[in-house]
Amino acid sequence: MSWPKKKSAQSSSTLEEQQKKELSIPTIVTLMLAAIVGIGIGLWLMVG
């Protein structure tokens, strides 16, 4: 029972690491875009 548990734990950790690597860049880009859009809307509302 110990072997399948270890294998599953290793596979889950590698999958989590891959997901983190894949999601890290898109999340940063989306956060930057959201910040730019938020600032733009805020300035537009203040000026308008």
PDB file of N, CA and C in Angstrom:
ATOM      1  N   MET A   1       0.837  -1.208   0.000  1.00  0.00           N
ATOM      2  CA  MET A   1       0.000   0.000   0.000  1.00  0.00           C
ATOM      3  C   MET A   1       0.876   1.265   0.000  1.00  0.00           C
ATOM      4  N   SER A   2       2.088   1.123   0.480  1.00  0.00           N
ATOM      5  CA  SER A   2       2.937   2.320   0.557  1.00  0.00           C
ATOM      6  C   SER A   2       3.390   2.760  -0.839  1.00  0.00           C
ATOM      7  N   TRP A   3       3.637   1.778  -1.735  1.00  0.00           N
ATOM      8  CA  TRP A   3       4.147   2.159  -3.064  1.00  0.00           C
ATOM      9  C   TRP A   3       3.140   2.991  -3.865  1.00  0.00           C
ATOM     10  N   PRO A   4       1.873   2.556  -4.001  1.00  0.00           N
ATOM     11  CA  PRO A   4       0.920   3.361  -4.783  1.00  0.00           C
ATOM     12  C   PRO A   4       0.706   4.735  -4.161  1.00  0.00           C
ATOM     13  N   LYS A   5       0.755   4.800  -2.828  1.00  0.00           N
ATOM     14  CA  LYS A   5       0.586   6.108  -2.184  1.00  0.00           C
ATOM     15  C   LYS A   5       1.746   7.029  -2.565  1.00  0.00           C
ATOM     16  N   LYS A   6       2.963   6.490  -2.519  1.00  0.00           N
ATOM     17  CA  LYS A   6       4.113   7.324  -2.879  1.00  0.00           C
ATOM     18  C   LYS A   6       4.026   7.757  -4.342  1.00  0.00           C
ATOM     19  N   LYS A   7       3.661   6.821  -5.216  1.00  0.00           N
ATOM     20  CA  LYS A   7       3.566   7.162  -6.633  1.00  0.00           C
ATOM     21  C   LYS A   7       2.496   8.240  -6.848  1.00  0.00           C
ATOM     22  N   SER A   8       1.352   8.072  -6.210  1.00  0.00           N
ATOM     23  CA  SER A   8       0.284   9.049  -6.393  1.00  0.00           C
ATOM     24  C   SER A   8       0.717  10.406  -5.846  1.00  0.00           C
ATOM     25  N   ALA A   9       1.420  10.401  -4.711  1.00  0.00           N
ATOM     26  CA  ALA A   9       1.866  11.666  -4.123  1.00  0.00           C
ATOM     27  C   ALA A   9       2.854  12.352  -5.063  1.00  0.00           C
ATOM     28  N   GLN A  10       3.789  11.581  -5.627  1.00  0.00           N
ATOM     29  CA  GLN A  10       4.771  12.175  -6.536  1.00  0.00           C
ATOM     30  C   GLN A  10       4.076  12.719  -7.785  1.00  0.00           C
ATOM     31  N   SER A  11       3.156  11.943  -8.345  1.00  0.00           N
ATOM     32  CA  SER A  11       2.474  12.388  -9.561  1.00  0.00           C
ATOM     33  C   SER A  11       1.656  13.651  -9.269  1.00  0.00           C
ATOM     34  N   SER A  12       0.995  13.696  -8.117  1.00  0.00           N
ATOM     35  CA  SER A  12       0.190  14.867  -7.789  1.00  0.00           C
ATOM     36  C   SER A  12       1.091  16.082  -7.595  1.00  0.00           C
ATOM     37  N   SER A  13       2.244  15.890  -6.955  1.00  0.00           N
ATOM     38  CA  SER A  13       3.149  17.025  -6.737  1.00  0.00           C
ATOM     39  C   SER A  13       3.661  17.541  -8.077  1.00  0.00           C
ATOM     40  N   THR A  14       4.033  16.631  -8.977  1.00  0.00           N
ATOM     41  CA  THR A  14       4.539  17.072 -10.281  1.00  0.00           C
ATOM     42  C   THR A  14       3.426  17.776 -11.059  1.00  0.00           C
ATOM     43  N   LEU A  15       2.203  17.262 -10.990  1.00  0.00           N
ATOM     44  CA  LEU A  15       1.093  17.903 -11.691  1.00  0.00           C
ATOM     45  C   LEU A  15       0.840  19.284 -11.098  1.00  0.00           C
ATOM     46  N   GLU A  16       0.894  19.388  -9.775  1.00  0.00           N
ATOM     47  CA  GLU A  16       0.678  20.692  -9.145  1.00  0.00           C
ATOM     48  C   GLU A  16       1.765  21.672  -9.569  1.00  0.00           C
ATOM     49  N   GLU A  17       3.023  21.192  -9.611  1.00  0.00           N
ATOM     50  CA  GLU A  17       4.117  22.076 -10.023  1.00  0.00           C
ATOM     51  C   GLU A  17       3.924  22.531 -11.465  1.00  0.00           C
ATOM     52  N   GLN A  18       3.516  21.610 -12.342  1.00  0.00           N
ATOM     53  CA  GLN A  18       3.288  21.981 -13.737  1.00  0.00           C
ATOM     54  C   GLN A  18       2.145  22.990 -13.836  1.00  0.00           C
ATOM     55  N   GLN A  19       1.070  22.774 -13.084  1.00  0.00           N
ATOM     56  CA  GLN A  19      -0.053  23.707 -13.129  1.00  0.00           C
ATOM     57  C   GLN A  19       0.384  25.076 -12.615  1.00  0.00           C
ATOM     58  N   LYS A  20       1.179  25.100 -11.534  1.00  0.00           N
ATOM     59  CA  LYS A  20       1.650  26.384 -11.006  1.00  0.00           C
ATOM     60  C   LYS A  20       2.496  27.103 -12.051  1.00  0.00           C
ATOM     61  N   LYS A  21       3.404  26.367 -12.710  1.00  0.00           N
ATOM     62  CA  LYS A  21       4.252  26.995 -13.727  1.00  0.00           C
ATOM     63  C   LYS A  21       3.401  27.512 -14.879  1.00  0.00           C
ATOM     64  N   GLU A  22       2.396  26.736 -15.286  1.00  0.00           N
ATOM     65  CA  GLU A  22       1.558  27.146 -16.409  1.00  0.00           C
ATOM     66  C   GLU A  22       0.647  28.315 -16.025  1.00  0.00           C
ATOM     67  N   LEU A  23       0.195  28.354 -14.774  1.00  0.00           N
ATOM     68  CA  LEU A  23      -0.754  29.390 -14.363  1.00  0.00           C
ATOM     69  C   LEU A  23      -0.052  30.658 -13.888  1.00  0.00           C
ATOM     70  N   SER A  24       1.227  30.573 -13.526  1.00  0.00           N
ATOM     71  CA  SER A  24       1.905  31.736 -12.958  1.00  0.00           C
ATOM     72  C   SER A  24       1.939  32.884 -13.961  1.00  0.00           C
ATOM     73  N   ILE A  25       2.326  32.605 -15.214  1.00  0.00           N
ATOM     74  CA  ILE A  25       2.454  33.685 -16.205  1.00  0.00           C
ATOM     75  C   ILE A  25       1.083  34.266 -16.566  1.00  0.00           C
ATOM     76  N   PRO A  26       0.077  33.454 -16.896  1.00  0.00           N
ATOM     77  CA  PRO A  26      -1.244  34.020 -17.224  1.00  0.00           C
ATOM     78  C   PRO A  26      -1.836  34.831 -16.079  1.00  0.00           C
ATOM     79  N   THR A  27      -1.651  34.384 -14.840  1.00  0.00           N
ATOM     80  CA  THR A  27      -2.213  35.128 -13.709  1.00  0.00           C
ATOM     81  C   THR A  27      -1.541  36.486 -13.591  1.00  0.00           C
ATOM     82  N   ILE A  28      -0.211  36.538 -13.796  1.00  0.00           N
ATOM     83  CA  ILE A  28       0.500  37.819 -13.714  1.00  0.00           C
ATOM     84  C   ILE A  28       0.006  38.748 -14.820  1.00  0.00           C
ATOM     85  N   VAL A  29      -0.163  38.205 -16.023  1.00  0.00           N
ATOM     86  CA  VAL A  29      -0.622  39.032 -17.149  1.00  0.00           C
ATOM     87  C   VAL A  29      -2.029  39.544 -16.886  1.00  0.00           C
ATOM     88  N   THR A  30      -2.906  38.674 -16.403  1.00  0.00           N
ATOM     89  CA  THR A  30      -4.292  39.098 -16.152  1.00  0.00           C
ATOM     90  C   THR A  30      -4.339  40.142 -15.038  1.00  0.00           C
ATOM     91  N   LEU A  31      -3.508  39.966 -13.999  1.00  0.00           N
ATOM     92  CA  LEU A  31      -3.492  40.949 -12.909  1.00  0.00           C
ATOM     93  C   LEU A  31      -3.003  42.301 -13.432  1.00  0.00           C
ATOM     94  N   MET A  32      -1.966  42.289 -14.271  1.00  0.00           N
ATOM     95  CA  MET A  32      -1.452  43.549 -14.819  1.00  0.00           C
ATOM     96  C   MET A  32      -2.506  44.211 -15.693  1.00  0.00           C
ATOM     97  N   LEU A  33      -3.174  43.413 -16.548  1.00  0.00           N
ATOM     98  CA  LEU A  33      -4.213  43.983 -17.410  1.00  0.00           C
ATOM     99  C   LEU A  33      -5.357  44.537 -16.568  1.00  0.00           C
ATOM    100  N   ALA A  34      -5.745  43.807 -15.528  1.00  0.00           N
ATOM    101  CA  ALA A  34      -6.834  44.274 -14.667  1.00  0.00           C
ATOM    102  C   ALA A  34      -6.438  45.580 -13.985  1.00  0.00           C
ATOM    103  N   ALA A  35      -5.189  45.684 -13.542  1.00  0.00           N
ATOM    104  CA  ALA A  35      -4.727  46.913 -12.885  1.00  0.00           C
ATOM    105  C   ALA A  35      -4.740  48.071 -13.877  1.00  0.00           C
ATOM    106  N   ILE A  36      -4.251  47.831 -15.098  1.00  0.00           N
ATOM    107  CA  ILE A  36      -4.229  48.899 -16.110  1.00  0.00           C
ATOM    108  C   ILE A  36      -5.651  49.335 -16.442  1.00  0.00           C
ATOM    109  N   VAL A  37      -6.549  48.367 -16.639  1.00  0.00           N
ATOM    110  CA  VAL A  37      -7.942  48.701 -16.965  1.00  0.00           C
ATOM    111  C   VAL A  37      -8.590  49.445 -15.804  1.00  0.00           C
ATOM    112  N   GLY A  38      -8.334  48.984 -14.574  1.00  0.00           N
ATOM    113  CA  GLY A  38      -8.914  49.648 -13.408  1.00  0.00           C
ATOM    114  C   GLY A  38      -8.432  51.085 -13.287  1.00  0.00           C
ATOM    115  N   ILE A  39      -7.131  51.302 -13.478  1.00  0.00           N
ATOM    116  CA  ILE A  39      -6.588  52.666 -13.395  1.00  0.00           C
ATOM    117  C   ILE A  39      -7.169  53.523 -14.521  1.00  0.00           C
ATOM    118  N   GLY A  40      -7.261  52.932 -15.723  1.00  0.00           N
ATOM    119  CA  GLY A  40      -7.810  53.688 -16.856  1.00  0.00           C
ATOM    120  C   GLY A  40      -9.251  54.095 -16.602  1.00  0.00           C
ATOM    121  N   ILE A  41     -10.057  53.189 -16.094  1.00  0.00           N
ATOM    122  CA  ILE A  41     -11.464  53.509 -15.814  1.00  0.00           C
ATOM    123  C   ILE A  41     -11.545  54.562 -14.711  1.00  0.00           C
ATOM    124  N   GLY A  42     -10.704  54.408 -13.688  1.00  0.00           N
ATOM    125  CA  GLY A  42     -10.708  55.379 -12.592  1.00  0.00           C
ATOM    126  C   GLY A  42     -10.360  56.777 -13.087  1.00  0.00           C
ATOM    127  N   LEU A  43      -9.310  56.886 -13.900  1.00  0.00           N
ATOM    128  CA  LEU A  43      -8.929  58.200 -14.435  1.00  0.00           C
ATOM    129  C   LEU A  43     -10.025  58.740 -15.351  1.00  0.00           C
ATOM    130  N   TRP A  44     -10.621  57.848 -16.169  1.00  0.00           N
ATOM    131  CA  TRP A  44     -11.670  58.291 -17.091  1.00  0.00           C
ATOM    132  C   TRP A  44     -12.867  58.826 -16.309  1.00  0.00           C
ATOM    133  N   LEU A  45     -13.229  58.140 -15.207  1.00  0.00           N
ATOM    134  CA  LEU A  45     -14.358  58.604 -14.399  1.00  0.00           C
ATOM    135  C   LEU A  45     -14.010  59.922 -13.716  1.00  0.00           C
ATOM    136  N   MET A  46     -12.782  60.053 -13.221  1.00  0.00           N
ATOM    137  CA  MET A  46     -12.386  61.295 -12.557  1.00  0.00           C
ATOM    138  C   MET A  46     -12.374  62.451 -13.552  1.00  0.00           C
ATOM    139  N   VAL A  47     -11.817  62.225 -14.737  1.00  0.00           N
ATOM    140  CA  VAL A  47     -11.746  63.297 -15.737  1.00  0.00           C
ATOM    141  C   VAL A  47     -13.139  63.599 -16.284  1.00  0.00           C
ATOM    142  N   GLY A  48     -13.896  62.519 -16.561  1.00  0.00           N
ATOM    143  CA  GLY A  48     -15.226  62.708 -17.137  1.00  0.00           C
ATOM    144  C   GLY A  48     -16.176  63.254 -16.106  1.00  0.00           C
TER     145      GLY A  48
END
